[in-house]
């Protein structure tokens, strides 16, 4: 059994945790999350990168949710593939009901997983290309972008080092003058998708 992983680097902490010492995983590649800024281009990059796994793995695990442009992308990948379920990586972790419930608690919620916490404010600057706008400092745009947000919610996904990730998330909230909350959740939905990839590899 040979499983390959092609995923967004925002999910790298969870995927590294789940696949540590897993001999079935023979190839991994993480793509920068800034690709999300241009969904059609992101899809093109993923399809191109997927070709590198041909002949080297039996099944490709795609560490992406629909993310605006990836619905049914597995049908375009030239080898058996499995992807995450959900509209984005947060729904892929929490599930639709929990995601909806947290938005109901506070509509203006920015969700911070460990991967997002690691990126922090500099990651957003990179994703939104705020460092490429001549005549403006990146910070100028943060008040505009986050005007409708009231809180940052850190999702402790149970992968360890929660103190470190929560501290980074708190720092991000402080920099944006937002309330900071945290909650525990699991990554069973990601684990289930990985198991599906393994079942497909032996079918």
C-alpha atoms as a PDB file:
ATOM      1  CA  UNK A   1       0.000   0.000   0.000  1.00  0.00           C
ATOM      2  CA  UNK A   2       1.396   3.356  -1.058  1.00  0.00           C
ATOM      3  CA  UNK A   3      -0.399   6.538  -0.015  1.00  0.00           C
ATOM      4  CA  UNK A   4       0.625  10.007  -1.131  1.00  0.00           C
ATOM      5  CA  UNK A   5      -0.389  13.245   0.574  1.00  0.00           C
ATOM      6  CA  UNK A   6      -0.842  16.531  -1.263  1.00  0.00           C
ATOM      7  CA  UNK A   7      -2.184  19.117   1.140  1.00  0.00           C
ATOM      8  CA  UNK A   8      -2.449  22.737   2.201  1.00  0.00           C
ATOM      9  CA  UNK A   9       0.262  23.598   4.693  1.00  0.00           C
ATOM     10  CA  UNK A  10      -2.372  24.932   7.095  1.00  0.00           C
ATOM     11  CA  UNK A  11      -3.260  21.288   7.777  1.00  0.00           C
ATOM     12  CA  UNK A  12       0.347  20.147   8.094  1.00  0.00           C
ATOM     13  CA  UNK A  13       0.304  19.970  11.938  1.00  0.00           C
ATOM     14  CA  UNK A  14      -2.724  17.652  11.945  1.00  0.00           C
ATOM     15  CA  UNK A  15      -1.527  15.492   9.063  1.00  0.00           C
ATOM     16  CA  UNK A  16       1.970  15.115  10.484  1.00  0.00           C
ATOM     17  CA  UNK A  17       0.418  14.083  13.791  1.00  0.00           C
ATOM     18  CA  UNK A  18      -1.855  11.499  12.160  1.00  0.00           C
ATOM     19  CA  UNK A  19       0.769  10.004   9.860  1.00  0.00           C
ATOM     20  CA  UNK A  20       3.819   9.931  12.143  1.00  0.00           C
ATOM     21  CA  UNK A  21       5.602   6.575  11.698  1.00  0.00           C
ATOM     22  CA  UNK A  22       2.996   5.439   9.158  1.00  0.00           C
ATOM     23  CA  UNK A  23       4.888   3.339   6.614  1.00  0.00           C
ATOM     24  CA  UNK A  24       1.944   3.441   4.218  1.00  0.00           C
ATOM     25  CA  UNK A  25       2.624   7.138   3.563  1.00  0.00           C
ATOM     26  CA  UNK A  26       5.375   7.199   0.954  1.00  0.00           C
ATOM     27  CA  UNK A  27       5.133  10.751  -0.430  1.00  0.00           C
ATOM     28  CA  UNK A  28       4.092  14.090   1.047  1.00  0.00           C
ATOM     29  CA  UNK A  29       3.938  17.571  -0.357  1.00  0.00           C
ATOM     30  CA  UNK A  30       2.453  20.658   1.281  1.00  0.00           C
ATOM     31  CA  UNK A  31       1.445  23.682  -0.781  1.00  0.00           C
ATOM     32  CA  UNK A  32       1.416  27.232   0.547  1.00  0.00           C
ATOM     33  CA  UNK A  33      -1.942  28.350   1.871  1.00  0.00           C
ATOM     34  CA  UNK A  34      -1.593  31.668   0.014  1.00  0.00           C
ATOM     35  CA  UNK A  35      -2.832  29.800  -3.077  1.00  0.00           C
ATOM     36  CA  UNK A  36      -6.346  30.218  -1.673  1.00  0.00           C
ATOM     37  CA  UNK A  37      -6.258  33.877  -2.666  1.00  0.00           C
ATOM     38  CA  UNK A  38      -6.754  32.796  -6.291  1.00  0.00           C
ATOM     39  CA  UNK A  39      -8.995  29.677  -6.263  1.00  0.00           C
ATOM     40  CA  UNK A  40      -8.858  28.911 -10.022  1.00  0.00           C
ATOM     41  CA  UNK A  41      -5.058  29.132  -9.957  1.00  0.00           C
ATOM     42  CA  UNK A  42      -4.976  26.985  -6.815  1.00  0.00           C
ATOM     43  CA  UNK A  43      -6.890  24.277  -8.648  1.00  0.00           C
ATOM     44  CA  UNK A  44      -4.465  24.425 -11.571  1.00  0.00           C
ATOM     45  CA  UNK A  45      -1.486  24.085  -9.229  1.00  0.00           C
ATOM     46  CA  UNK A  46      -3.024  21.141  -7.370  1.00  0.00           C
ATOM     47  CA  UNK A  47      -3.800  19.296 -10.604  1.00  0.00           C
ATOM     48  CA  UNK A  48      -0.278  19.894 -11.846  1.00  0.00           C
ATOM     49  CA  UNK A  49       1.313  18.780  -8.569  1.00  0.00           C
ATOM     50  CA  UNK A  50      -0.899  15.679  -8.481  1.00  0.00           C
ATOM     51  CA  UNK A  51       0.774  14.442 -11.658  1.00  0.00           C
ATOM     52  CA  UNK A  52       4.027  14.067  -9.718  1.00  0.00           C
ATOM     53  CA  UNK A  53       2.405  11.268  -7.691  1.00  0.00           C
ATOM     54  CA  UNK A  54       1.481   9.155 -10.720  1.00  0.00           C
ATOM     55  CA  UNK A  55       3.186   5.780 -10.691  1.00  0.00           C
ATOM     56  CA  UNK A  56       4.625   6.427  -7.245  1.00  0.00           C
ATOM     57  CA  UNK A  57       1.522   5.927  -5.060  1.00  0.00           C
ATOM     58  CA  UNK A  58      -1.622   3.818  -5.225  1.00  0.00           C
ATOM     59  CA  UNK A  59      -3.910   6.519  -3.826  1.00  0.00           C
ATOM     60  CA  UNK A  60      -3.535  10.259  -3.380  1.00  0.00           C
ATOM     61  CA  UNK A  61      -4.923  11.850  -0.221  1.00  0.00           C
ATOM     62  CA  UNK A  62      -5.815  15.447  -1.011  1.00  0.00           C
ATOM     63  CA  UNK A  63      -5.618  17.584   2.125  1.00  0.00           C
ATOM     64  CA  UNK A  64      -8.107  20.152   0.892  1.00  0.00           C
ATOM     65  CA  UNK A  65     -11.803  20.794   1.304  1.00  0.00           C
ATOM     66  CA  UNK A  66     -13.868  22.378  -1.489  1.00  0.00           C
ATOM     67  CA  UNK A  67     -12.226  25.761  -0.820  1.00  0.00           C
ATOM     68  CA  UNK A  68     -14.251  27.658  -3.488  1.00  0.00           C
ATOM     69  CA  UNK A  69     -12.879  25.847  -6.536  1.00  0.00           C
ATOM     70  CA  UNK A  70     -12.147  22.201  -5.764  1.00  0.00           C
ATOM     71  CA  UNK A  71     -15.547  20.529  -5.892  1.00  0.00           C
ATOM     72  CA  UNK A  72     -15.209  17.148  -7.640  1.00  0.00           C
ATOM     73  CA  UNK A  73     -11.509  17.779  -8.324  1.00  0.00           C
ATOM     74  CA  UNK A  74     -10.749  14.133  -7.553  1.00  0.00           C
ATOM     75  CA  UNK A  75     -12.492  13.254 -10.830  1.00  0.00           C
ATOM     76  CA  UNK A  76      -9.826  15.270 -12.674  1.00  0.00           C
ATOM     77  CA  UNK A  77      -6.835  13.753 -10.890  1.00  0.00           C
ATOM     78  CA  UNK A  78      -5.284  10.933 -12.938  1.00  0.00           C
ATOM     79  CA  UNK A  79      -5.075   8.433 -10.074  1.00  0.00           C
ATOM     80  CA  UNK A  80      -7.433   7.257  -7.305  1.00  0.00           C
ATOM     81  CA  UNK A  81      -7.907  10.136  -4.886  1.00  0.00           C
ATOM     82  CA  UNK A  82      -9.707  11.075  -1.687  1.00  0.00           C
ATOM     83  CA  UNK A  83     -10.315  14.599  -0.406  1.00  0.00           C
ATOM     84  CA  UNK A  84     -11.717  16.175   2.751  1.00  0.00           C
ATOM     85  CA  UNK A  85     -15.415  16.860   3.172  1.00  0.00           C
ATOM     86  CA  UNK A  86     -16.492  20.438   3.840  1.00  0.00           C
ATOM     87  CA  UNK A  87     -16.611  23.903   2.340  1.00  0.00           C
ATOM     88  CA  UNK A  88     -13.235  24.814   3.870  1.00  0.00           C
ATOM     89  CA  UNK A  89     -10.602  23.428   6.231  1.00  0.00           C
ATOM     90  CA  UNK A  90     -12.494  24.583   9.330  1.00  0.00           C
ATOM     91  CA  UNK A  91     -15.654  22.716   8.343  1.00  0.00           C
ATOM     92  CA  UNK A  92     -13.465  19.740   7.425  1.00  0.00           C
ATOM     93  CA  UNK A  93     -12.337  19.648  11.063  1.00  0.00           C
ATOM     94  CA  UNK A  94     -15.452  20.721  12.976  1.00  0.00           C
ATOM     95  CA  UNK A  95     -18.137  19.347  10.698  1.00  0.00           C
ATOM     96  CA  UNK A  96     -21.007  21.476   9.355  1.00  0.00           C
ATOM     97  CA  UNK A  97     -23.137  21.472  12.503  1.00  0.00           C
ATOM     98  CA  UNK A  98     -20.368  22.525  14.900  1.00  0.00           C
ATOM     99  CA  UNK A  99     -19.107  25.091  12.400  1.00  0.00           C
ATOM    100  CA  UNK A 100     -22.582  26.571  12.116  1.00  0.00           C
ATOM    101  CA  UNK A 101     -23.011  26.541  15.892  1.00  0.00           C
ATOM    102  CA  UNK A 102     -19.788  28.489  16.483  1.00  0.00           C
ATOM    103  CA  UNK A 103     -20.778  31.058  13.876  1.00  0.00           C
ATOM    104  CA  UNK A 104     -24.106  31.389  15.663  1.00  0.00           C
ATOM    105  CA  UNK A 105     -22.277  32.100  18.938  1.00  0.00           C
ATOM    106  CA  UNK A 106     -20.474  34.930  17.160  1.00  0.00           C
ATOM    107  CA  UNK A 107     -21.006  35.691  13.490  1.00  0.00           C
ATOM    108  CA  UNK A 108     -17.742  37.579  13.290  1.00  0.00           C
ATOM    109  CA  UNK A 109     -15.461  34.687  14.241  1.00  0.00           C
ATOM    110  CA  UNK A 110     -11.985  34.145  12.865  1.00  0.00           C
ATOM    111  CA  UNK A 111     -11.125  30.462  13.319  1.00  0.00           C
ATOM    112  CA  UNK A 112      -7.529  29.660  14.277  1.00  0.00           C
ATOM    113  CA  UNK A 113      -6.306  26.094  13.947  1.00  0.00           C
ATOM    114  CA  UNK A 114      -2.699  25.325  14.928  1.00  0.00           C
ATOM    115  CA  UNK A 115      -1.683  25.888  11.306  1.00  0.00           C
ATOM    116  CA  UNK A 116      -3.363  29.276  11.176  1.00  0.00           C
ATOM    117  CA  UNK A 117      -1.901  30.186  14.570  1.00  0.00           C
ATOM    118  CA  UNK A 118       1.583  29.438  13.238  1.00  0.00           C
ATOM    119  CA  UNK A 119       1.031  31.760  10.285  1.00  0.00           C
ATOM    120  CA  UNK A 120      -0.312  34.625  12.379  1.00  0.00           C
ATOM    121  CA  UNK A 121      -0.521  38.147  11.094  1.00  0.00           C
ATOM    122  CA  UNK A 122       2.458  37.713   8.767  1.00  0.00           C
ATOM    123  CA  UNK A 123       0.676  34.817   7.125  1.00  0.00           C
ATOM    124  CA  UNK A 124      -2.333  36.996   6.366  1.00  0.00           C
ATOM    125  CA  UNK A 125      -0.087  39.695   4.965  1.00  0.00           C
ATOM    126  CA  UNK A 126       1.368  37.092   2.644  1.00  0.00           C
ATOM    127  CA  UNK A 127      -1.959  35.544   1.659  1.00  0.00           C
ATOM    128  CA  UNK A 128      -3.611  38.880   0.897  1.00  0.00           C
ATOM    129  CA  UNK A 129      -0.482  40.352  -0.701  1.00  0.00           C
ATOM    130  CA  UNK A 130      -0.672  43.333   1.624  1.00  0.00           C
ATOM    131  CA  UNK A 131       3.091  43.765   1.428  1.00  0.00           C
ATOM    132  CA  UNK A 132       2.882  44.433  -2.304  1.00  0.00           C
ATOM    133  CA  UNK A 133       0.637  47.500  -2.202  1.00  0.00           C
ATOM    134  CA  UNK A 134       2.767  50.552  -2.826  1.00  0.00           C
ATOM    135  CA  UNK A 135       2.262  53.536  -0.560  1.00  0.00           C
ATOM    136  CA  UNK A 136       0.493  51.606   2.199  1.00  0.00           C
ATOM    137  CA  UNK A 137       1.727  49.686   5.202  1.00  0.00           C
ATOM    138  CA  UNK A 138       0.048  46.262   5.592  1.00  0.00           C
ATOM    139  CA  UNK A 139      -1.359  47.263   8.982  1.00  0.00           C
ATOM    140  CA  UNK A 140      -3.475  49.936   7.276  1.00  0.00           C
ATOM    141  CA  UNK A 141      -5.719  47.243   5.849  1.00  0.00           C
ATOM    142  CA  UNK A 142      -6.199  45.141   8.953  1.00  0.00           C
ATOM    143  CA  UNK A 143      -8.764  47.463  10.509  1.00  0.00           C
ATOM    144  CA  UNK A 144     -10.728  47.342   7.249  1.00  0.00           C
ATOM    145  CA  UNK A 145     -10.483  43.575   6.787  1.00  0.00           C
ATOM    146  CA  UNK A 146     -11.359  42.727  10.385  1.00  0.00           C
ATOM    147  CA  UNK A 147     -13.997  45.402  10.918  1.00  0.00           C
ATOM    148  CA  UNK A 148     -16.751  42.762  10.971  1.00  0.00           C
ATOM    149  CA  UNK A 149     -14.901  40.374  13.301  1.00  0.00           C
ATOM    150  CA  UNK A 150     -15.426  40.271  17.050  1.00  0.00           C
ATOM    151  CA  UNK A 151     -13.392  37.283  18.159  1.00  0.00           C
ATOM    152  CA  UNK A 152     -10.669  34.788  17.354  1.00  0.00           C
ATOM    153  CA  UNK A 153     -11.542  31.192  18.217  1.00  0.00           C
ATOM    154  CA  UNK A 154      -8.585  28.868  18.689  1.00  0.00           C
ATOM    155  CA  UNK A 155      -9.345  25.246  17.862  1.00  0.00           C
ATOM    156  CA  UNK A 156      -7.249  22.884  19.971  1.00  0.00           C
ATOM    157  CA  UNK A 157      -7.211  19.894  17.644  1.00  0.00           C
ATOM    158  CA  UNK A 158      -5.526  17.595  20.158  1.00  0.00           C
ATOM    159  CA  UNK A 159      -2.176  17.275  18.395  1.00  0.00           C
ATOM    160  CA  UNK A 160      -0.087  18.413  21.364  1.00  0.00           C
ATOM    161  CA  UNK A 161       1.752  21.655  22.157  1.00  0.00           C
ATOM    162  CA  UNK A 162      -1.617  23.289  22.766  1.00  0.00           C
ATOM    163  CA  UNK A 163      -0.030  25.906  25.024  1.00  0.00           C
ATOM    164  CA  UNK A 164       2.278  27.065  22.266  1.00  0.00           C
ATOM    165  CA  UNK A 165      -0.446  27.242  19.631  1.00  0.00           C
ATOM    166  CA  UNK A 166      -2.918  28.937  21.952  1.00  0.00           C
ATOM    167  CA  UNK A 167      -0.318  31.558  22.874  1.00  0.00           C
ATOM    168  CA  UNK A 168       0.255  32.329  19.197  1.00  0.00           C
ATOM    169  CA  UNK A 169      -3.493  32.555  18.635  1.00  0.00           C
ATOM    170  CA  UNK A 170      -3.867  34.887  21.616  1.00  0.00           C
ATOM    171  CA  UNK A 171      -1.091  37.079  20.219  1.00  0.00           C
ATOM    172  CA  UNK A 172      -2.905  37.282  16.894  1.00  0.00           C
ATOM    173  CA  UNK A 173      -6.138  38.298  18.643  1.00  0.00           C
ATOM    174  CA  UNK A 174      -4.320  40.913  20.726  1.00  0.00           C
ATOM    175  CA  UNK A 175      -2.719  42.421  17.617  1.00  0.00           C
ATOM    176  CA  UNK A 176      -6.172  42.828  16.096  1.00  0.00           C
ATOM    177  CA  UNK A 177      -7.855  43.920  19.350  1.00  0.00           C
ATOM    178  CA  UNK A 178     -10.263  41.002  19.208  1.00  0.00           C
ATOM    179  CA  UNK A 179     -11.670  38.804  21.950  1.00  0.00           C
ATOM    180  CA  UNK A 180      -9.965  35.415  22.171  1.00  0.00           C
ATOM    181  CA  UNK A 181     -11.758  32.148  22.922  1.00  0.00           C
ATOM    182  CA  UNK A 182     -10.608  28.559  22.659  1.00  0.00           C
ATOM    183  CA  UNK A 183     -12.253  25.177  22.436  1.00  0.00           C
ATOM    184  CA  UNK A 184     -11.194  21.580  22.016  1.00  0.00           C
ATOM    185  CA  UNK A 185     -12.117  19.478  19.026  1.00  0.00           C
ATOM    186  CA  UNK A 186     -10.830  16.323  17.402  1.00  0.00           C
ATOM    187  CA  UNK A 187      -9.565  15.510  13.933  1.00  0.00           C
ATOM    188  CA  UNK A 188     -11.627  12.388  13.422  1.00  0.00           C
ATOM    189  CA  UNK A 189     -12.997  13.713  10.132  1.00  0.00           C
ATOM    190  CA  UNK A 190      -9.472  13.994   8.711  1.00  0.00           C
ATOM    191  CA  UNK A 191      -8.605  10.594  10.144  1.00  0.00           C
ATOM    192  CA  UNK A 192     -11.707   9.114   8.524  1.00  0.00           C
ATOM    193  CA  UNK A 193     -10.684  10.494   5.123  1.00  0.00           C
ATOM    194  CA  UNK A 194      -7.198   9.015   5.519  1.00  0.00           C
ATOM    195  CA  UNK A 195      -8.756   5.657   6.369  1.00  0.00           C
ATOM    196  CA  UNK A 196     -10.893   5.918   3.251  1.00  0.00           C
ATOM    197  CA  UNK A 197      -7.740   6.456   1.185  1.00  0.00           C
ATOM    198  CA  UNK A 198      -6.249   3.287   2.659  1.00  0.00           C
ATOM    199  CA  UNK A 199      -9.391   1.292   1.964  1.00  0.00           C
ATOM    200  CA  UNK A 200      -9.317   2.490  -1.616  1.00  0.00           C
ATOM    201  CA  UNK A 201      -5.691   1.427  -1.944  1.00  0.00           C
ATOM    202  CA  UNK A 202      -6.504  -2.191  -1.106  1.00  0.00           C
ATOM    203  CA  UNK A 203      -9.774  -2.439  -3.002  1.00  0.00           C
END
